[in-house]
């Protein structure tokens, strides 16, 4: 069953500040992540609660997300420059 894509408001604010072409590129990748989350995980990191979250590096950004399989949601938690 298809999972739902949930995006933190801070991620949306970050994307809104980007030029349209780059913003669309990243939105498309977020949709791809929702389709198959584990195919895009480059490495695991811990969130503030100690839970493992996936990190995908793309277009100069590190995209942190959590595949909440029980709720059928892929939650995009954070996006920041990949050099951080």
N, C-alpha and C. Protein backbone atom coordinates (compact mmCIF):
# COMPACT_ATOMS: atom_id res chain seq x y z
N UNK A 1 0.84 -1.18 0.00
CA UNK A 1 0.00 0.00 0.00
C UNK A 1 0.89 1.25 0.00
N UNK A 2 0.48 2.25 -0.73
CA UNK A 2 1.24 3.49 -0.85
C UNK A 2 1.27 4.23 0.49
N UNK A 3 2.44 4.76 0.80
CA UNK A 3 2.59 5.53 2.02
C UNK A 3 2.33 7.01 1.74
N UNK A 4 1.96 7.69 2.77
CA UNK A 4 1.67 9.12 2.68
C UNK A 4 2.92 9.92 3.02
N UNK A 5 3.14 11.00 2.32
CA UNK A 5 4.28 11.87 2.55
C UNK A 5 3.87 13.01 3.48
N UNK A 6 4.54 13.10 4.62
CA UNK A 6 4.31 14.19 5.56
C UNK A 6 5.60 15.00 5.68
N UNK A 7 5.49 16.31 5.58
CA UNK A 7 6.66 17.18 5.54
C UNK A 7 6.56 18.23 6.64
N UNK A 8 7.63 18.36 7.43
CA UNK A 8 7.67 19.36 8.49
C UNK A 8 7.58 20.76 7.90
N UNK A 9 6.94 21.66 8.61
CA UNK A 9 6.76 23.02 8.12
C UNK A 9 8.12 23.70 7.89
N UNK A 10 9.13 23.40 8.68
CA UNK A 10 10.46 23.98 8.49
C UNK A 10 11.06 23.56 7.16
N UNK A 11 10.77 22.34 6.74
CA UNK A 11 11.25 21.86 5.44
C UNK A 11 10.56 22.63 4.32
N UNK A 12 9.27 22.84 4.46
CA UNK A 12 8.53 23.59 3.44
C UNK A 12 9.06 25.02 3.35
N UNK A 13 9.33 25.63 4.50
CA UNK A 13 9.88 26.99 4.50
C UNK A 13 11.23 27.04 3.80
N UNK A 14 12.06 26.05 4.05
CA UNK A 14 13.37 25.97 3.38
C UNK A 14 13.19 25.85 1.87
N UNK A 15 12.30 24.97 1.45
CA UNK A 15 12.08 24.76 0.02
C UNK A 15 11.53 26.00 -0.66
N UNK A 16 10.67 26.73 0.03
CA UNK A 16 10.09 27.95 -0.55
C UNK A 16 11.15 29.02 -0.82
N UNK A 17 12.27 28.95 -0.10
CA UNK A 17 13.32 29.95 -0.28
C UNK A 17 14.24 29.64 -1.46
N UNK A 18 14.08 28.47 -2.07
CA UNK A 18 14.95 28.05 -3.17
C UNK A 18 14.42 28.53 -4.52
N UNK A 19 15.29 28.63 -5.51
CA UNK A 19 14.83 28.93 -6.87
C UNK A 19 13.87 27.83 -7.34
N UNK A 20 12.91 28.16 -8.17
CA UNK A 20 11.88 27.19 -8.58
C UNK A 20 12.43 25.88 -9.14
N UNK A 21 13.43 25.92 -9.98
CA UNK A 21 13.95 24.68 -10.59
C UNK A 21 14.52 23.75 -9.52
N UNK A 22 15.27 24.32 -8.59
CA UNK A 22 15.87 23.50 -7.53
C UNK A 22 14.80 22.99 -6.57
N UNK A 23 13.84 23.84 -6.26
CA UNK A 23 12.73 23.45 -5.38
C UNK A 23 11.96 22.27 -5.98
N UNK A 24 11.65 22.35 -7.28
CA UNK A 24 10.92 21.26 -7.94
C UNK A 24 11.74 19.98 -7.96
N UNK A 25 13.04 20.09 -8.16
CA UNK A 25 13.92 18.93 -8.15
C UNK A 25 13.84 18.21 -6.80
N UNK A 26 13.89 18.98 -5.73
CA UNK A 26 13.84 18.38 -4.39
C UNK A 26 12.45 17.83 -4.08
N UNK A 27 11.40 18.55 -4.45
CA UNK A 27 10.04 18.02 -4.24
C UNK A 27 9.86 16.67 -4.95
N UNK A 28 10.38 16.58 -6.16
CA UNK A 28 10.28 15.30 -6.88
C UNK A 28 11.02 14.20 -6.13
N UNK A 29 12.19 14.52 -5.57
CA UNK A 29 12.93 13.51 -4.81
C UNK A 29 12.17 13.12 -3.54
N UNK A 30 11.52 14.06 -2.88
CA UNK A 30 10.74 13.73 -1.69
C UNK A 30 9.62 12.76 -2.04
N UNK A 31 9.00 12.96 -3.18
CA UNK A 31 7.95 12.04 -3.62
C UNK A 31 8.52 10.65 -3.91
N UNK A 32 9.72 10.60 -4.49
CA UNK A 32 10.38 9.32 -4.75
C UNK A 32 10.72 8.62 -3.43
N UNK A 33 11.18 9.38 -2.46
CA UNK A 33 11.48 8.80 -1.15
C UNK A 33 10.22 8.18 -0.56
N UNK A 34 9.09 8.86 -0.69
CA UNK A 34 7.83 8.33 -0.16
C UNK A 34 7.45 7.01 -0.83
N UNK A 35 7.78 6.87 -2.11
CA UNK A 35 7.46 5.64 -2.84
C UNK A 35 8.30 4.45 -2.37
N UNK A 36 9.56 4.71 -2.06
CA UNK A 36 10.47 3.62 -1.68
C UNK A 36 11.55 4.17 -0.73
N UNK A 37 11.21 4.38 0.52
CA UNK A 37 12.10 5.08 1.45
C UNK A 37 13.48 4.45 1.61
N UNK A 38 13.55 3.14 1.66
CA UNK A 38 14.83 2.50 1.94
C UNK A 38 15.78 2.53 0.74
N UNK A 39 15.27 2.77 -0.43
CA UNK A 39 16.13 2.84 -1.62
C UNK A 39 16.97 4.11 -1.63
N UNK A 40 16.58 5.12 -0.85
CA UNK A 40 17.27 6.40 -0.89
C UNK A 40 18.10 6.70 0.36
N UNK A 41 18.09 5.82 1.32
CA UNK A 41 18.82 6.05 2.56
C UNK A 41 20.32 5.90 2.31
N UNK A 42 21.07 6.97 2.54
CA UNK A 42 22.52 6.93 2.41
C UNK A 42 23.18 6.50 3.71
N UNK A 43 22.59 6.90 4.83
CA UNK A 43 23.09 6.48 6.13
C UNK A 43 22.04 6.74 7.19
N UNK A 44 22.26 6.20 8.39
CA UNK A 44 21.35 6.41 9.51
C UNK A 44 21.95 7.42 10.47
N UNK A 45 21.09 8.20 11.11
CA UNK A 45 21.48 9.14 12.15
C UNK A 45 20.45 9.03 13.27
N UNK A 46 20.76 9.58 14.41
CA UNK A 46 19.83 9.59 15.54
C UNK A 46 19.08 10.92 15.57
N UNK A 47 17.80 10.86 15.91
CA UNK A 47 17.06 12.10 16.11
C UNK A 47 17.19 12.51 17.58
N UNK A 48 16.47 13.53 17.99
CA UNK A 48 16.59 14.05 19.35
C UNK A 48 16.12 13.06 20.42
N UNK A 49 15.34 12.06 20.02
CA UNK A 49 14.88 11.05 20.98
C UNK A 49 15.73 9.79 20.96
N UNK A 50 16.73 9.76 20.08
CA UNK A 50 17.60 8.59 19.98
C UNK A 50 17.14 7.56 18.95
N UNK A 51 16.06 7.85 18.26
CA UNK A 51 15.54 6.94 17.23
C UNK A 51 16.37 7.08 15.97
N UNK A 52 16.59 5.96 15.27
CA UNK A 52 17.27 5.99 13.98
C UNK A 52 16.38 6.64 12.93
N UNK A 53 16.96 7.58 12.18
CA UNK A 53 16.27 8.18 11.03
C UNK A 53 17.19 8.04 9.83
N UNK A 54 16.60 7.96 8.67
CA UNK A 54 17.37 7.86 7.43
C UNK A 54 17.80 9.24 6.97
N UNK A 55 18.96 9.28 6.32
CA UNK A 55 19.47 10.52 5.75
C UNK A 55 19.82 10.25 4.29
N UNK A 56 19.33 11.12 3.43
CA UNK A 56 19.63 11.02 2.00
C UNK A 56 20.28 12.33 1.57
N UNK A 57 21.43 12.24 0.92
CA UNK A 57 22.13 13.42 0.43
C UNK A 57 21.79 13.60 -1.04
N UNK A 58 21.25 14.79 -1.37
CA UNK A 58 20.78 15.05 -2.72
C UNK A 58 20.82 16.54 -3.01
N UNK A 59 21.35 16.91 -4.14
CA UNK A 59 21.35 18.31 -4.63
C UNK A 59 21.92 19.28 -3.59
N UNK A 60 22.93 18.83 -2.86
CA UNK A 60 23.57 19.69 -1.87
C UNK A 60 22.88 19.75 -0.53
N UNK A 61 21.87 18.91 -0.32
CA UNK A 61 21.13 18.90 0.94
C UNK A 61 21.15 17.51 1.57
N UNK A 62 21.10 17.50 2.89
CA UNK A 62 20.89 16.27 3.64
C UNK A 62 19.43 16.26 4.06
N UNK A 63 18.72 15.26 3.61
CA UNK A 63 17.28 15.13 3.89
C UNK A 63 17.12 14.03 4.94
N UNK A 64 16.63 14.42 6.11
CA UNK A 64 16.42 13.46 7.21
C UNK A 64 14.94 13.06 7.21
N UNK A 65 14.70 11.76 7.23
CA UNK A 65 13.32 11.29 7.19
C UNK A 65 13.16 10.00 7.98
N UNK A 66 11.92 9.71 8.30
CA UNK A 66 11.59 8.52 9.08
C UNK A 66 10.46 7.79 8.37
N UNK A 67 10.69 6.53 8.11
CA UNK A 67 9.66 5.67 7.52
C UNK A 67 8.83 5.10 8.66
N UNK A 68 7.69 5.73 8.93
CA UNK A 68 6.79 5.28 9.99
C UNK A 68 5.84 4.24 9.39
N UNK A 69 6.36 3.03 9.28
CA UNK A 69 5.64 1.95 8.60
C UNK A 69 4.28 1.68 9.24
N UNK A 70 4.23 1.73 10.57
CA UNK A 70 2.98 1.43 11.27
C UNK A 70 1.86 2.39 10.87
N UNK A 71 2.21 3.66 10.68
CA UNK A 71 1.21 4.67 10.29
C UNK A 71 1.09 4.85 8.78
N UNK A 72 1.96 4.16 8.03
CA UNK A 72 2.03 4.29 6.58
C UNK A 72 2.35 5.73 6.15
N UNK A 73 3.30 6.32 6.88
CA UNK A 73 3.76 7.68 6.59
C UNK A 73 5.26 7.67 6.39
N UNK A 74 5.73 8.47 5.45
CA UNK A 74 7.14 8.81 5.37
C UNK A 74 7.20 10.26 5.80
N UNK A 75 7.90 10.49 6.89
CA UNK A 75 7.94 11.82 7.50
C UNK A 75 9.27 12.49 7.19
N UNK A 76 9.21 13.59 6.45
CA UNK A 76 10.40 14.38 6.16
C UNK A 76 10.59 15.33 7.33
N UNK A 77 11.63 15.09 8.10
CA UNK A 77 11.83 15.80 9.36
C UNK A 77 12.66 17.06 9.23
N UNK A 78 13.66 17.02 8.34
CA UNK A 78 14.59 18.14 8.28
C UNK A 78 15.32 18.12 6.94
N UNK A 79 15.68 19.29 6.48
CA UNK A 79 16.54 19.42 5.30
C UNK A 79 17.53 20.53 5.62
N UNK A 80 18.80 20.23 5.39
CA UNK A 80 19.84 21.23 5.65
C UNK A 80 20.97 21.02 4.67
N UNK A 81 21.82 22.01 4.56
CA UNK A 81 22.98 21.89 3.67
C UNK A 81 23.78 20.66 4.00
N UNK A 82 24.20 19.93 2.99
CA UNK A 82 24.89 18.65 3.20
C UNK A 82 26.27 18.83 3.80
N UNK A 83 26.81 20.02 3.78
CA UNK A 83 28.15 20.24 4.32
C UNK A 83 28.15 20.47 5.82
N UNK A 84 26.99 20.49 6.47
CA UNK A 84 26.89 20.71 7.91
C UNK A 84 27.23 19.47 8.68
